[in-house]
Amino acid sequence: MKRALSVLVMAAAAFGAEKRLFNGKDLSGWKQVGWPGFSVEDGAIKTSGGMGLLFYEGEAIGDATVKVVFKTTGARGNSGVYIRMPEKPSDAWYGVHNGYEVQIDSSGDDWHCTGAIYSISKVSARNQKPAGEWNTLEIELKGPLTRIRLNGKQVNEFTEGQPVPERKQWYEPIRGPRAKTGYIGIQNHDPQSIVTFKEISVRK
């Protein structure tokens, strides 16, 4: 009986265990495509320069919660978290058109602000903290469902196949289904948008 109980406790602990994808020291396990604008400073990943994508090479992720702790340096803090990329990206725009971008940008409208799936699914609420304060973004992936929480409050929920707006701009994502399991990454947008990430982790 004791052995069986021990096995159950260990299994439960493993099920809810959180895995740090960023080690707080360097970019081991990550790969840059596009503009080479990512560095590690004071235990956090910092963006700089032009359009780029930093993705985690270790594994494709599905049915899990991705947690990202970030802060911006001003209202012009534009970045994003890519999810559901079916292959390892080879260029900076791969995540836009083949995955979904969970936007980071306090100045955008409801379709293009923090917590929105960029131009695909708008936020139901805004809950970003002021520039200079840390925010916790949790992206739950469950089959075709993507549920997004910002600082503990649900701000978006999208199910694959539901109606989406017509694509209007060349830089908006090509419409179409995305993978249930895929690679994740973060975006570097432009020289004026400086965003830092002190934690990127996943809980399956």
N, C-alpha and C. Protein backbone atom coordinates (compact mmCIF):
# COMPACT_ATOMS: atom_id res chain seq x y z
N MET A 1 0.83 -1.21 0.00
CA MET A 1 0.00 0.00 0.00
C MET A 1 0.86 1.26 0.00
N LYS A 2 1.91 1.27 0.86
CA LYS A 2 2.78 2.44 0.93
C LYS A 2 3.49 2.68 -0.39
N ARG A 3 3.93 1.58 -1.03
CA ARG A 3 4.61 1.70 -2.32
C ARG A 3 3.67 2.28 -3.38
N ALA A 4 2.44 1.79 -3.41
CA ALA A 4 1.46 2.28 -4.38
C ALA A 4 1.18 3.76 -4.17
N LEU A 5 1.06 4.17 -2.90
CA LEU A 5 0.80 5.57 -2.57
C LEU A 5 1.98 6.44 -3.01
N SER A 6 3.18 5.93 -2.78
CA SER A 6 4.38 6.68 -3.16
C SER A 6 4.44 6.89 -4.67
N VAL A 7 4.09 5.85 -5.42
CA VAL A 7 4.09 5.95 -6.89
C VAL A 7 3.08 6.98 -7.35
N LEU A 8 1.89 6.99 -6.72
CA LEU A 8 0.86 7.95 -7.09
C LEU A 8 1.30 9.38 -6.80
N VAL A 9 1.93 9.60 -5.66
CA VAL A 9 2.41 10.93 -5.29
C VAL A 9 3.46 11.41 -6.29
N MET A 10 4.39 10.51 -6.65
CA MET A 10 5.44 10.87 -7.60
C MET A 10 4.85 11.18 -8.97
N ALA A 11 3.85 10.41 -9.39
CA ALA A 11 3.22 10.64 -10.69
C ALA A 11 2.50 11.98 -10.71
N ALA A 12 1.81 12.29 -9.62
CA ALA A 12 1.10 13.57 -9.54
C ALA A 12 2.07 14.73 -9.57
N ALA A 13 3.19 14.60 -8.88
CA ALA A 13 4.19 15.66 -8.85
C ALA A 13 4.79 15.87 -10.23
N ALA A 14 5.07 14.77 -10.94
CA ALA A 14 5.64 14.86 -12.28
C ALA A 14 4.66 15.50 -13.25
N PHE A 15 3.37 15.20 -13.10
CA PHE A 15 2.35 15.73 -14.00
C PHE A 15 2.29 17.25 -13.91
N GLY A 16 2.45 17.78 -12.71
CA GLY A 16 2.33 19.22 -12.53
C GLY A 16 3.66 19.95 -12.47
N ALA A 17 4.75 19.27 -12.75
CA ALA A 17 6.07 19.88 -12.63
C ALA A 17 6.28 20.95 -13.69
N GLU A 18 6.95 22.01 -13.30
CA GLU A 18 7.24 23.12 -14.20
C GLU A 18 8.68 22.99 -14.70
N LYS A 19 8.86 23.10 -15.99
CA LYS A 19 10.18 22.98 -16.60
C LYS A 19 10.62 24.35 -17.12
N ARG A 20 11.77 24.82 -16.63
CA ARG A 20 12.30 26.10 -17.08
C ARG A 20 12.99 25.90 -18.44
N LEU A 21 12.54 26.62 -19.45
CA LEU A 21 13.14 26.54 -20.77
C LEU A 21 14.28 27.54 -20.92
N PHE A 22 14.23 28.62 -20.16
CA PHE A 22 15.32 29.60 -20.11
C PHE A 22 16.01 29.47 -18.78
N ASN A 23 17.34 29.24 -18.81
CA ASN A 23 18.07 28.95 -17.58
C ASN A 23 18.51 30.17 -16.78
N GLY A 24 18.23 31.37 -17.28
CA GLY A 24 18.58 32.58 -16.57
C GLY A 24 20.02 33.01 -16.73
N LYS A 25 20.79 32.26 -17.53
CA LYS A 25 22.22 32.55 -17.68
C LYS A 25 22.62 32.84 -19.12
N ASP A 26 22.13 32.00 -20.03
CA ASP A 26 22.49 32.14 -21.44
C ASP A 26 21.37 31.58 -22.31
N LEU A 27 21.60 31.52 -23.61
CA LEU A 27 20.57 31.09 -24.54
C LEU A 27 20.73 29.62 -24.95
N SER A 28 21.26 28.81 -24.06
CA SER A 28 21.38 27.38 -24.32
C SER A 28 20.00 26.78 -24.59
N GLY A 29 19.90 26.01 -25.68
CA GLY A 29 18.63 25.39 -26.04
C GLY A 29 17.76 26.25 -26.93
N TRP A 30 18.19 27.47 -27.19
CA TRP A 30 17.42 28.40 -28.02
C TRP A 30 18.20 28.73 -29.29
N LYS A 31 17.48 29.09 -30.34
CA LYS A 31 18.11 29.44 -31.61
C LYS A 31 17.48 30.69 -32.18
N GLN A 32 18.32 31.55 -32.71
CA GLN A 32 17.89 32.82 -33.29
C GLN A 32 17.77 32.71 -34.81
N VAL A 33 16.67 33.24 -35.36
CA VAL A 33 16.54 33.43 -36.80
C VAL A 33 16.12 34.88 -37.04
N GLY A 34 16.41 35.40 -38.23
CA GLY A 34 16.12 36.79 -38.49
C GLY A 34 17.17 37.69 -37.88
N TRP A 35 16.78 38.88 -37.48
CA TRP A 35 17.71 39.85 -36.90
C TRP A 35 18.31 39.31 -35.60
N PRO A 36 19.63 39.33 -35.47
CA PRO A 36 20.28 38.79 -34.25
C PRO A 36 20.21 39.76 -33.08
N GLY A 37 19.03 39.88 -32.49
CA GLY A 37 18.81 40.94 -31.51
C GLY A 37 18.54 40.49 -30.10
N PHE A 38 18.88 39.26 -29.72
CA PHE A 38 18.60 38.80 -28.37
C PHE A 38 19.89 38.62 -27.58
N SER A 39 19.86 39.07 -26.32
CA SER A 39 21.01 38.90 -25.44
C SER A 39 20.49 38.61 -24.04
N VAL A 40 21.37 38.15 -23.15
CA VAL A 40 21.00 37.91 -21.76
C VAL A 40 21.73 38.93 -20.89
N GLU A 41 20.95 39.70 -20.13
CA GLU A 41 21.49 40.71 -19.23
C GLU A 41 20.78 40.62 -17.89
N ASP A 42 21.54 40.56 -16.83
CA ASP A 42 20.99 40.52 -15.47
C ASP A 42 19.94 39.41 -15.31
N GLY A 43 20.22 38.25 -15.88
CA GLY A 43 19.35 37.10 -15.71
C GLY A 43 18.09 37.10 -16.54
N ALA A 44 18.03 37.96 -17.57
CA ALA A 44 16.83 38.04 -18.40
C ALA A 44 17.22 38.17 -19.87
N ILE A 45 16.35 37.66 -20.74
CA ILE A 45 16.54 37.83 -22.18
C ILE A 45 16.05 39.22 -22.56
N LYS A 46 16.89 39.95 -23.31
CA LYS A 46 16.56 41.31 -23.70
C LYS A 46 16.54 41.42 -25.22
N THR A 47 15.52 42.10 -25.75
CA THR A 47 15.42 42.30 -27.20
C THR A 47 16.14 43.58 -27.61
N SER A 48 16.60 43.59 -28.86
CA SER A 48 17.18 44.79 -29.45
C SER A 48 17.20 44.60 -30.96
N GLY A 49 17.35 45.69 -31.70
CA GLY A 49 17.46 45.58 -33.15
C GLY A 49 16.15 45.35 -33.86
N GLY A 50 16.24 44.77 -35.07
CA GLY A 50 15.07 44.63 -35.93
C GLY A 50 14.31 43.33 -35.75
N MET A 51 13.55 42.95 -36.76
CA MET A 51 12.64 41.81 -36.68
C MET A 51 13.40 40.48 -36.57
N GLY A 52 13.13 39.75 -35.51
CA GLY A 52 13.78 38.46 -35.31
C GLY A 52 12.90 37.53 -34.50
N LEU A 53 13.33 36.28 -34.40
CA LEU A 53 12.58 35.25 -33.68
C LEU A 53 13.58 34.35 -32.96
N LEU A 54 13.35 34.16 -31.68
CA LEU A 54 14.17 33.26 -30.87
C LEU A 54 13.27 32.10 -30.45
N PHE A 55 13.63 30.87 -30.84
CA PHE A 55 12.74 29.74 -30.53
C PHE A 55 13.47 28.67 -29.73
N TYR A 56 12.67 27.92 -28.97
CA TYR A 56 13.19 26.84 -28.15
C TYR A 56 13.31 25.59 -29.00
N GLU A 57 14.53 25.07 -29.13
CA GLU A 57 14.79 23.93 -30.01
C GLU A 57 14.47 22.58 -29.37
N GLY A 58 14.40 22.52 -28.05
CA GLY A 58 14.37 21.25 -27.35
C GLY A 58 13.23 20.32 -27.69
N GLU A 59 12.03 20.87 -27.90
CA GLU A 59 10.86 20.01 -28.15
C GLU A 59 9.70 20.83 -28.64
N ALA A 60 8.81 20.16 -29.38
CA ALA A 60 7.52 20.75 -29.71
C ALA A 60 6.61 20.58 -28.50
N ILE A 61 5.73 21.54 -28.28
CA ILE A 61 4.92 21.56 -27.06
C ILE A 61 3.44 21.55 -27.40
N GLY A 62 2.71 20.68 -26.71
CA GLY A 62 1.25 20.61 -26.85
C GLY A 62 0.63 20.18 -25.54
N ASP A 63 -0.63 20.51 -25.32
CA ASP A 63 -1.34 20.18 -24.08
C ASP A 63 -0.47 20.53 -22.86
N ALA A 64 -0.23 21.81 -22.72
CA ALA A 64 0.62 22.32 -21.64
C ALA A 64 0.29 23.79 -21.43
N THR A 65 0.81 24.35 -20.34
CA THR A 65 0.70 25.78 -20.09
C THR A 65 2.09 26.39 -20.18
N VAL A 66 2.24 27.34 -21.08
CA VAL A 66 3.49 28.07 -21.25
C VAL A 66 3.41 29.35 -20.41
N LYS A 67 4.39 29.56 -19.55
CA LYS A 67 4.41 30.76 -18.71
C LYS A 67 5.58 31.65 -19.12
N VAL A 68 5.28 32.91 -19.34
CA VAL A 68 6.29 33.89 -19.74
C VAL A 68 6.18 35.10 -18.81
N VAL A 69 7.28 35.45 -18.15
CA VAL A 69 7.32 36.62 -17.27
C VAL A 69 8.14 37.69 -17.97
N PHE A 70 7.53 38.84 -18.24
CA PHE A 70 8.16 39.87 -19.06
C PHE A 70 7.88 41.26 -18.50
N LYS A 71 8.66 42.23 -18.97
CA LYS A 71 8.35 43.63 -18.71
C LYS A 71 8.78 44.46 -19.91
N THR A 72 8.13 45.59 -20.08
CA THR A 72 8.47 46.53 -21.13
C THR A 72 9.14 47.75 -20.51
N THR A 73 9.83 48.53 -21.34
CA THR A 73 10.51 49.73 -20.84
C THR A 73 9.71 50.99 -21.13
N GLY A 74 8.62 50.85 -21.88
CA GLY A 74 7.80 52.01 -22.19
C GLY A 74 6.57 51.58 -22.96
N ALA A 75 5.73 52.55 -23.33
CA ALA A 75 4.50 52.24 -24.06
C ALA A 75 4.81 51.63 -25.42
N ARG A 76 6.02 51.87 -25.93
CA ARG A 76 6.40 51.36 -27.25
C ARG A 76 7.07 49.99 -27.11
N GLY A 77 6.55 49.14 -26.25
CA GLY A 77 7.11 47.81 -26.03
C GLY A 77 6.36 46.78 -26.84
N ASN A 78 6.89 46.42 -28.00
CA ASN A 78 6.20 45.52 -28.92
C ASN A 78 7.00 44.22 -29.06
N SER A 79 6.36 43.10 -28.74
CA SER A 79 6.98 41.79 -28.88
C SER A 79 5.85 40.77 -28.97
N GLY A 80 6.16 39.51 -28.77
CA GLY A 80 5.12 38.50 -28.81
C GLY A 80 5.68 37.14 -28.47
N VAL A 81 4.78 36.22 -28.16
CA VAL A 81 5.14 34.83 -27.89
C VAL A 81 4.51 33.97 -28.99
N TYR A 82 5.35 33.25 -29.72
CA TYR A 82 4.86 32.37 -30.78
C TYR A 82 4.53 30.99 -30.23
N ILE A 83 3.43 30.44 -30.66
CA ILE A 83 3.00 29.10 -30.26
C ILE A 83 2.57 28.33 -31.51
N ARG A 84 2.50 27.00 -31.38
CA ARG A 84 1.94 26.12 -32.41
C ARG A 84 2.68 26.20 -33.75
N MET A 85 3.99 26.46 -33.73
CA MET A 85 4.76 26.42 -34.97
C MET A 85 5.08 24.96 -35.29
N PRO A 86 4.61 24.43 -36.42
CA PRO A 86 4.72 22.99 -36.68
C PRO A 86 6.15 22.52 -36.93
N GLU A 87 7.02 23.40 -37.41
CA GLU A 87 8.42 23.06 -37.67
C GLU A 87 9.32 24.10 -37.01
N LYS A 88 10.59 23.77 -36.89
CA LYS A 88 11.54 24.75 -36.40
C LYS A 88 11.66 25.87 -37.44
N PRO A 89 11.44 27.11 -37.04
CA PRO A 89 11.42 28.21 -38.02
C PRO A 89 12.79 28.48 -38.63
N SER A 90 12.77 28.91 -39.89
CA SER A 90 14.00 29.24 -40.60
C SER A 90 14.12 30.73 -40.89
N ASP A 91 13.06 31.50 -40.62
CA ASP A 91 13.12 32.95 -40.83
C ASP A 91 12.22 33.64 -39.81
N ALA A 92 12.36 34.95 -39.72
CA ALA A 92 11.68 35.72 -38.67
C ALA A 92 10.16 35.74 -38.82
N TRP A 93 9.64 35.51 -40.03
CA TRP A 93 8.21 35.60 -40.28
C TRP A 93 7.51 34.24 -40.21
N TYR A 94 8.26 33.18 -39.99
CA TYR A 94 7.66 31.85 -39.97
C TYR A 94 6.58 31.74 -38.89
N GLY A 95 6.85 32.25 -37.71
CA GLY A 95 5.89 32.16 -36.61
C GLY A 95 4.61 32.92 -36.86
N VAL A 96 4.72 34.04 -37.58
CA VAL A 96 3.54 34.86 -37.88
C VAL A 96 2.56 34.08 -38.75
N HIS A 97 3.07 33.41 -39.79
CA HIS A 97 2.20 32.80 -40.80
C HIS A 97 1.93 31.31 -40.59
N ASN A 98 2.70 30.67 -39.73
CA ASN A 98 2.54 29.22 -39.54
C ASN A 98 2.14 28.83 -38.12
N GLY A 99 2.34 29.74 -37.17
CA GLY A 99 1.89 29.55 -35.80
C GLY A 99 0.92 30.66 -35.44
N TYR A 100 0.77 30.90 -34.15
CA TYR A 100 0.02 32.05 -33.66
C TYR A 100 0.96 32.92 -32.84
N GLU A 101 0.77 34.22 -32.93
CA GLU A 101 1.53 35.15 -32.09
C GLU A 101 0.62 35.70 -31.00
N VAL A 102 0.97 35.39 -29.74
CA VAL A 102 0.29 36.01 -28.60
C VAL A 102 0.99 37.34 -28.38
N GLN A 103 0.29 38.41 -28.65
CA GLN A 103 0.90 39.73 -28.71
C GLN A 103 1.33 40.26 -27.35
N ILE A 104 2.42 41.03 -27.36
CA ILE A 104 2.83 41.87 -26.23
C ILE A 104 2.93 43.29 -26.76
N ASP A 105 2.02 44.15 -26.34
CA ASP A 105 2.01 45.55 -26.78
C ASP A 105 0.86 46.26 -26.07
N SER A 106 1.18 47.11 -25.12
CA SER A 106 0.12 47.76 -24.34
C SER A 106 -0.62 48.82 -25.14
N SER A 107 -0.05 49.28 -26.26
CA SER A 107 -0.64 50.39 -27.00
C SER A 107 -1.57 49.97 -28.13
N GLY A 108 -1.63 48.67 -28.44
CA GLY A 108 -2.46 48.23 -29.56
C GLY A 108 -3.94 48.19 -29.22
N ASP A 109 -4.78 48.04 -30.28
CA ASP A 109 -6.21 47.89 -30.03
C ASP A 109 -6.48 46.46 -29.54
N ASP A 110 -7.76 46.12 -29.34
CA ASP A 110 -8.09 44.84 -28.71
C ASP A 110 -7.65 43.63 -29.53
N TRP A 111 -7.42 43.81 -30.82
CA TRP A 111 -6.97 42.72 -31.68
C TRP A 111 -5.45 42.63 -31.73
N HIS A 112 -4.76 43.66 -31.20
CA HIS A 112 -3.31 43.75 -31.36
C HIS A 112 -2.61 44.19 -30.07
N CYS A 113 -3.20 43.88 -28.93
CA CYS A 113 -2.59 44.27 -27.65
C CYS A 113 -2.18 43.02 -26.87
N THR A 114 -1.58 43.22 -25.73
CA THR A 114 -1.08 42.11 -24.93
C THR A 114 -2.20 41.14 -24.56
N GLY A 115 -2.00 39.88 -24.96
CA GLY A 115 -2.99 38.84 -24.70
C GLY A 115 -3.82 38.48 -25.92
N ALA A 116 -3.80 39.34 -26.95
CA ALA A 116 -4.51 39.02 -28.19
C ALA A 116 -3.71 37.99 -28.98
N ILE A 117 -4.39 37.13 -29.72
CA ILE A 117 -3.73 36.34 -30.75
C ILE A 117 -3.77 37.23 -31.98
N TYR A 118 -2.63 37.74 -32.36
CA TYR A 118 -2.49 38.88 -33.26
C TYR A 118 -3.41 38.81 -34.48
N SER A 119 -4.39 39.72 -34.50
CA SER A 119 -5.39 39.92 -35.56
C SER A 119 -6.31 38.72 -35.78
N ILE A 120 -6.22 37.71 -34.90
CA ILE A 120 -7.04 36.50 -35.01
C ILE A 120 -8.12 36.45 -33.94
N SER A 121 -7.73 36.73 -32.68
CA SER A 121 -8.66 36.65 -31.56
C SER A 121 -8.38 37.79 -30.59
N LYS A 122 -9.36 38.66 -30.38
CA LYS A 122 -9.14 39.85 -29.56
C LYS A 122 -9.27 39.53 -28.07
N VAL A 123 -8.74 40.42 -27.25
CA VAL A 123 -8.82 40.25 -25.81
C VAL A 123 -10.22 40.60 -25.31
N SER A 124 -10.59 39.98 -24.20
CA SER A 124 -11.86 40.31 -23.53
C SER A 124 -11.63 41.29 -22.39
N ALA A 125 -10.35 41.49 -22.03
CA ALA A 125 -10.01 42.43 -20.96
C ALA A 125 -8.54 42.81 -21.12
N ARG A 126 -8.15 43.93 -20.53
CA ARG A 126 -6.76 44.38 -20.52
C ARG A 126 -6.26 44.34 -19.08
N ASN A 127 -5.09 43.74 -18.90
CA ASN A 127 -4.62 43.59 -17.52
C ASN A 127 -3.10 43.72 -17.41
N GLN A 128 -2.49 44.47 -18.34
CA GLN A 128 -1.04 44.64 -18.31
C GLN A 128 -0.64 45.70 -17.29
N LYS A 129 0.45 45.45 -16.59
CA LYS A 129 0.97 46.40 -15.62
C LYS A 129 1.75 47.50 -16.32
N PRO A 130 2.00 48.62 -15.62
CA PRO A 130 2.75 49.72 -16.24
C PRO A 130 4.17 49.30 -16.64
N ALA A 131 4.75 50.05 -17.56
CA ALA A 131 6.11 49.79 -18.00
C ALA A 131 7.06 49.74 -16.80
N GLY A 132 7.99 48.79 -16.84
CA GLY A 132 8.95 48.63 -15.75
C GLY A 132 8.54 47.62 -14.71
N GLU A 133 7.29 47.14 -14.75
CA GLU A 133 6.82 46.12 -13.81
C GLU A 133 6.70 44.77 -14.53
N TRP A 134 6.95 43.70 -13.79
CA TRP A 134 6.90 42.36 -14.37
C TRP A 134 5.46 41.89 -14.55
N ASN A 135 5.18 41.27 -15.69
CA ASN A 135 3.88 40.70 -16.02
C ASN A 135 4.03 39.19 -16.20
N THR A 136 2.99 38.46 -15.83
CA THR A 136 2.98 37.01 -16.04
C THR A 136 1.92 36.65 -17.06
N LEU A 137 2.38 36.10 -18.18
CA LEU A 137 1.51 35.67 -19.27
C LEU A 137 1.47 34.15 -19.27
N GLU A 138 0.28 33.57 -19.14
CA GLU A 138 0.11 32.11 -19.15
C GLU A 138 -0.74 31.72 -20.36
N ILE A 139 -0.17 30.84 -21.18
CA ILE A 139 -0.83 30.41 -22.41
C ILE A 139 -1.12 28.92 -22.30
N GLU A 140 -2.38 28.59 -22.12
CA GLU A 140 -2.78 27.19 -21.98
C GLU A 140 -3.12 26.61 -23.35
N LEU A 141 -2.46 25.53 -23.70
CA LEU A 141 -2.70 24.82 -24.95
C LEU A 141 -3.37 23.49 -24.62
N LYS A 142 -4.55 23.27 -25.14
CA LYS A 142 -5.29 22.03 -24.86
C LYS A 142 -6.01 21.60 -26.13
N GLY A 143 -5.35 20.73 -26.90
CA GLY A 143 -5.92 20.36 -28.18
C GLY A 143 -6.09 21.59 -29.05
N PRO A 144 -7.30 21.82 -29.58
CA PRO A 144 -7.54 22.99 -30.43
C PRO A 144 -7.77 24.29 -29.65
N LEU A 145 -7.80 24.21 -28.31
CA LEU A 145 -8.10 25.37 -27.47
C LEU A 145 -6.84 26.10 -27.05
N THR A 146 -6.87 27.42 -27.14
CA THR A 146 -5.82 28.28 -26.59
C THR A 146 -6.48 29.25 -25.61
N ARG A 147 -6.07 29.18 -24.36
CA ARG A 147 -6.62 30.06 -23.33
C ARG A 147 -5.48 30.90 -22.75
N ILE A 148 -5.70 32.20 -22.62
CA ILE A 148 -4.63 33.12 -22.24
C ILE A 148 -5.01 33.89 -20.98
N ARG A 149 -4.10 33.87 -20.01
CA ARG A 149 -4.26 34.65 -18.78
C ARG A 149 -3.11 35.64 -18.66
N LEU A 150 -3.43 36.84 -18.22
CA LEU A 150 -2.43 37.88 -18.01
C LEU A 150 -2.53 38.37 -16.57
N ASN A 151 -1.46 38.15 -15.82
CA ASN A 151 -1.43 38.52 -14.40
C ASN A 151 -2.61 37.92 -13.63
N GLY A 152 -2.90 36.65 -13.94
CA GLY A 152 -3.91 35.90 -13.21
C GLY A 152 -5.33 36.04 -13.73
N LYS A 153 -5.55 36.91 -14.71
CA LYS A 153 -6.91 37.14 -15.23
C LYS A 153 -7.01 36.62 -16.65
N GLN A 154 -8.07 35.84 -16.94
CA GLN A 154 -8.26 35.37 -18.30
C GLN A 154 -8.61 36.54 -19.21
N VAL A 155 -7.88 36.66 -20.33
CA VAL A 155 -8.10 37.77 -21.24
C VAL A 155 -8.43 37.31 -22.65
N ASN A 156 -8.33 36.00 -22.92
CA ASN A 156 -8.60 35.52 -24.28
C ASN A 156 -8.86 34.02 -24.25
N GLU A 157 -9.69 33.57 -25.17
CA GLU A 157 -9.92 32.14 -25.37
C GLU A 157 -10.28 31.93 -26.83
N PHE A 158 -9.55 31.05 -27.46
CA PHE A 158 -9.75 30.81 -28.90
C PHE A 158 -9.74 29.32 -29.17
N THR A 159 -10.70 28.86 -29.96
CA THR A 159 -10.77 27.46 -30.37
C THR A 159 -10.59 27.37 -31.88
N GLU A 160 -9.69 26.51 -32.28
CA GLU A 160 -9.40 26.34 -33.71
C GLU A 160 -10.68 26.08 -34.49
N GLY A 161 -10.87 26.83 -35.57
CA GLY A 161 -12.05 26.66 -36.41
C GLY A 161 -13.13 27.71 -36.21
N GLN A 162 -13.03 28.49 -35.11
CA GLN A 162 -14.05 29.52 -34.92
C GLN A 162 -13.81 30.66 -35.92
N PRO A 163 -14.83 31.46 -36.23
CA PRO A 163 -14.68 32.53 -37.22
C PRO A 163 -13.61 33.54 -36.80
N VAL A 164 -12.85 34.03 -37.79
CA VAL A 164 -11.81 35.03 -37.55
C VAL A 164 -11.98 36.16 -38.56
N PRO A 165 -11.47 37.35 -38.25
CA PRO A 165 -11.60 38.47 -39.18
C PRO A 165 -10.84 38.23 -40.49
N GLU A 166 -11.26 38.91 -41.52
CA GLU A 166 -10.56 38.86 -42.80
C GLU A 166 -9.17 39.48 -42.67
N ARG A 167 -8.21 38.90 -43.34
CA ARG A 167 -6.85 39.44 -43.35
C ARG A 167 -6.84 40.74 -44.16
N LYS A 168 -6.29 41.82 -43.56
CA LYS A 168 -6.35 43.14 -44.19
C LYS A 168 -4.98 43.69 -44.59
N GLN A 169 -3.92 43.31 -43.85
CA GLN A 169 -2.60 43.87 -44.11
C GLN A 169 -1.61 42.75 -44.46
N TRP A 170 -0.56 43.10 -45.21
CA TRP A 170 0.41 42.10 -45.64
C TRP A 170 1.13 41.46 -44.47
N TYR A 171 1.30 42.22 -43.37
CA TYR A 171 2.04 41.72 -42.22
C TYR A 171 1.17 40.92 -41.25
N GLU A 172 -0.13 40.87 -41.51
CA GLU A 172 -1.00 40.06 -40.66
C GLU A 172 -0.88 38.58 -41.05
N PRO A 173 -1.11 37.68 -40.10
CA PRO A 173 -0.91 36.26 -40.39
C PRO A 173 -1.85 35.73 -41.46
N ILE A 174 -1.30 34.83 -42.29
CA ILE A 174 -2.12 34.09 -43.23
C ILE A 174 -3.10 33.23 -42.44
N ARG A 175 -4.36 33.26 -42.79
CA ARG A 175 -5.38 32.50 -42.07
C ARG A 175 -5.26 31.01 -42.39
N GLY A 176 -5.73 30.19 -41.48
CA GLY A 176 -5.69 28.75 -41.68
C GLY A 176 -5.43 28.02 -40.39
N PRO A 177 -5.69 26.72 -40.35
CA PRO A 177 -5.50 25.94 -39.11
C PRO A 177 -4.04 25.87 -38.70
N ARG A 178 -3.81 25.73 -37.38
CA ARG A 178 -2.47 25.60 -36.82
C ARG A 178 -2.35 24.24 -36.13
N ALA A 179 -1.11 23.86 -35.87
CA ALA A 179 -0.82 22.56 -35.28
C ALA A 179 -1.25 22.51 -33.81
N LYS A 180 -1.68 21.33 -33.35
CA LYS A 180 -2.00 21.16 -31.94
C LYS A 180 -0.73 21.10 -31.09
N THR A 181 0.34 20.61 -31.69
CA THR A 181 1.64 20.54 -31.03
C THR A 181 2.66 21.28 -31.89
N GLY A 182 3.44 22.17 -31.27
CA GLY A 182 4.39 22.93 -32.06
C GLY A 182 5.46 23.59 -31.22
N TYR A 183 6.39 24.22 -31.89
CA TYR A 183 7.49 24.92 -31.22
C TYR A 183 7.03 26.29 -30.75
N ILE A 184 7.72 26.81 -29.75
CA ILE A 184 7.39 28.12 -29.22
C ILE A 184 8.60 29.04 -29.37
N GLY A 185 8.34 30.34 -29.35
CA GLY A 185 9.43 31.31 -29.46
C GLY A 185 8.97 32.68 -29.01
N ILE A 186 9.90 33.63 -29.02
CA ILE A 186 9.58 35.02 -28.70
C ILE A 186 10.06 35.91 -29.83
N GLN A 187 9.44 37.06 -29.94
CA GLN A 187 9.69 37.97 -31.06
C GLN A 187 10.54 39.17 -30.64
N ASN A 188 11.45 39.56 -31.52
CA ASN A 188 12.11 40.85 -31.45
C ASN A 188 11.53 41.68 -32.58
N HIS A 189 11.00 42.87 -32.28
CA HIS A 189 10.20 43.58 -33.26
C HIS A 189 10.93 44.73 -33.96
N ASP A 190 11.49 45.66 -33.20
CA ASP A 190 12.13 46.82 -33.80
C ASP A 190 13.05 47.47 -32.77
N PRO A 191 13.95 48.37 -33.19
CA PRO A 191 14.93 48.96 -32.26
C PRO A 191 14.32 49.74 -31.11
N GLN A 192 13.14 50.32 -31.30
CA GLN A 192 12.52 51.11 -30.24
C GLN A 192 11.75 50.26 -29.22
N SER A 193 11.52 49.00 -29.54
CA SER A 193 10.75 48.12 -28.65
C SER A 193 11.71 47.24 -27.86
N ILE A 194 11.91 47.59 -26.59
CA ILE A 194 12.79 46.80 -25.73
C ILE A 194 11.94 46.08 -24.70
N VAL A 195 11.97 44.75 -24.77
CA VAL A 195 11.20 43.91 -23.85
C VAL A 195 12.16 42.90 -23.23
N THR A 196 12.03 42.65 -21.94
CA THR A 196 12.88 41.66 -21.27
C THR A 196 12.03 40.53 -20.72
N PHE A 197 12.61 39.32 -20.74
CA PHE A 197 11.92 38.11 -20.29
C PHE A 197 12.79 37.43 -19.23
N LYS A 198 12.28 37.33 -18.01
CA LYS A 198 13.08 36.70 -16.96
C LYS A 198 12.71 35.25 -16.72
N GLU A 199 11.56 34.83 -17.25
CA GLU A 199 11.18 33.41 -17.12
C GLU A 199 10.38 32.97 -18.32
N ILE A 200 10.76 31.80 -18.86
CA ILE A 200 9.95 31.11 -19.87
C ILE A 200 9.95 29.65 -19.45
N SER A 201 8.78 29.13 -19.11
CA SER A 201 8.69 27.78 -18.60
C SER A 201 7.44 27.10 -19.14
N VAL A 202 7.38 25.79 -18.95
CA VAL A 202 6.22 25.03 -19.42
C VAL A 202 5.81 24.03 -18.36
N ARG A 203 4.52 23.87 -18.18
CA ARG A 203 3.98 22.88 -17.24
C ARG A 203 3.01 21.99 -18.02
N LYS A 204 3.31 20.71 -18.08
CA LYS A 204 2.50 19.77 -18.87
C LYS A 204 1.43 19.13 -17.99
